[in-house]
Amino acid sequence: MPVSELHTTELADHSDSAGACAVCPHPWHEHDPLGVRYCTATAASALSRGCICR
């Protein structure tokens, strides 16, 4: 699946109605492809880890 499709698909699963990421403090629309993968994996695995931006 192309990253652009992943980003669109995962938006509904890992953000709230305001577009905030459910995993980190950054808005979902500001995630780059690596951030999308990181936060998606973090949520899917129910991990408690810091933001990839650190």
Protein backbone atom coordinates (compact mmCIF):
# COMPACT_ATOMS: atom_id res chain seq x y z
CA MET A 1 0.00 0.00 0.00
CA PRO A 2 1.45 3.42 -0.92
CA VAL A 3 2.25 5.69 2.00
CA SER A 4 -0.36 8.25 0.88
CA GLU A 5 -3.06 5.55 1.12
CA LEU A 6 -1.72 4.38 4.49
CA HIS A 7 -1.85 7.94 5.80
CA THR A 8 -5.46 8.36 4.70
CA THR A 9 -6.51 4.93 5.93
CA GLU A 10 -4.80 5.21 9.30
CA LEU A 11 -6.13 8.71 9.97
CA ALA A 12 -9.50 7.34 11.05
CA ASP A 13 -7.93 4.72 13.31
CA HIS A 14 -5.28 6.78 15.11
CA SER A 15 -6.66 10.27 15.45
CA ASP A 16 -9.60 11.89 17.17
CA SER A 17 -12.27 14.02 15.51
CA ALA A 18 -10.01 17.09 15.79
CA GLY A 19 -7.17 15.31 13.96
CA ALA A 20 -4.94 14.81 17.01
CA CYS A 21 -2.78 11.69 17.05
CA ALA A 22 -3.89 9.12 19.61
CA VAL A 23 -0.26 8.18 20.35
CA CYS A 24 1.82 11.36 20.44
CA PRO A 25 1.17 15.07 21.07
CA HIS A 26 1.46 16.04 17.40
CA PRO A 27 -1.49 16.64 15.04
CA TRP A 28 -1.96 13.67 12.71
CA HIS A 29 -1.67 15.82 9.57
CA GLU A 30 1.88 16.83 10.58
CA HIS A 31 3.17 13.23 10.56
CA ASP A 32 5.66 12.34 7.84
CA PRO A 33 5.65 8.79 6.43
CA LEU A 34 7.99 7.54 9.18
CA GLY A 35 5.84 9.15 11.87
CA VAL A 36 2.74 7.51 10.39
CA ARG A 37 4.40 4.08 10.56
CA TYR A 38 5.76 4.66 14.07
CA CYS A 39 2.50 5.88 15.60
CA THR A 40 0.48 3.25 13.76
CA ALA A 41 2.74 0.47 15.08
CA THR A 42 2.72 1.99 18.57
CA ALA A 43 -1.08 2.04 18.67
CA ALA A 44 -1.48 -1.41 17.08
CA SER A 45 0.91 -2.96 19.60
CA ALA A 46 -0.46 -0.97 22.56
CA LEU A 47 3.08 0.18 23.36
CA SER A 48 3.99 2.98 25.72
CA ARG A 49 6.93 4.71 24.15
CA GLY A 50 8.03 8.26 23.47
CA CYS A 51 7.52 10.22 20.32
CA ILE A 52 9.75 9.47 17.35
CA CYS A 53 10.62 13.18 17.19
CA ARG A 54 12.71 13.02 20.36
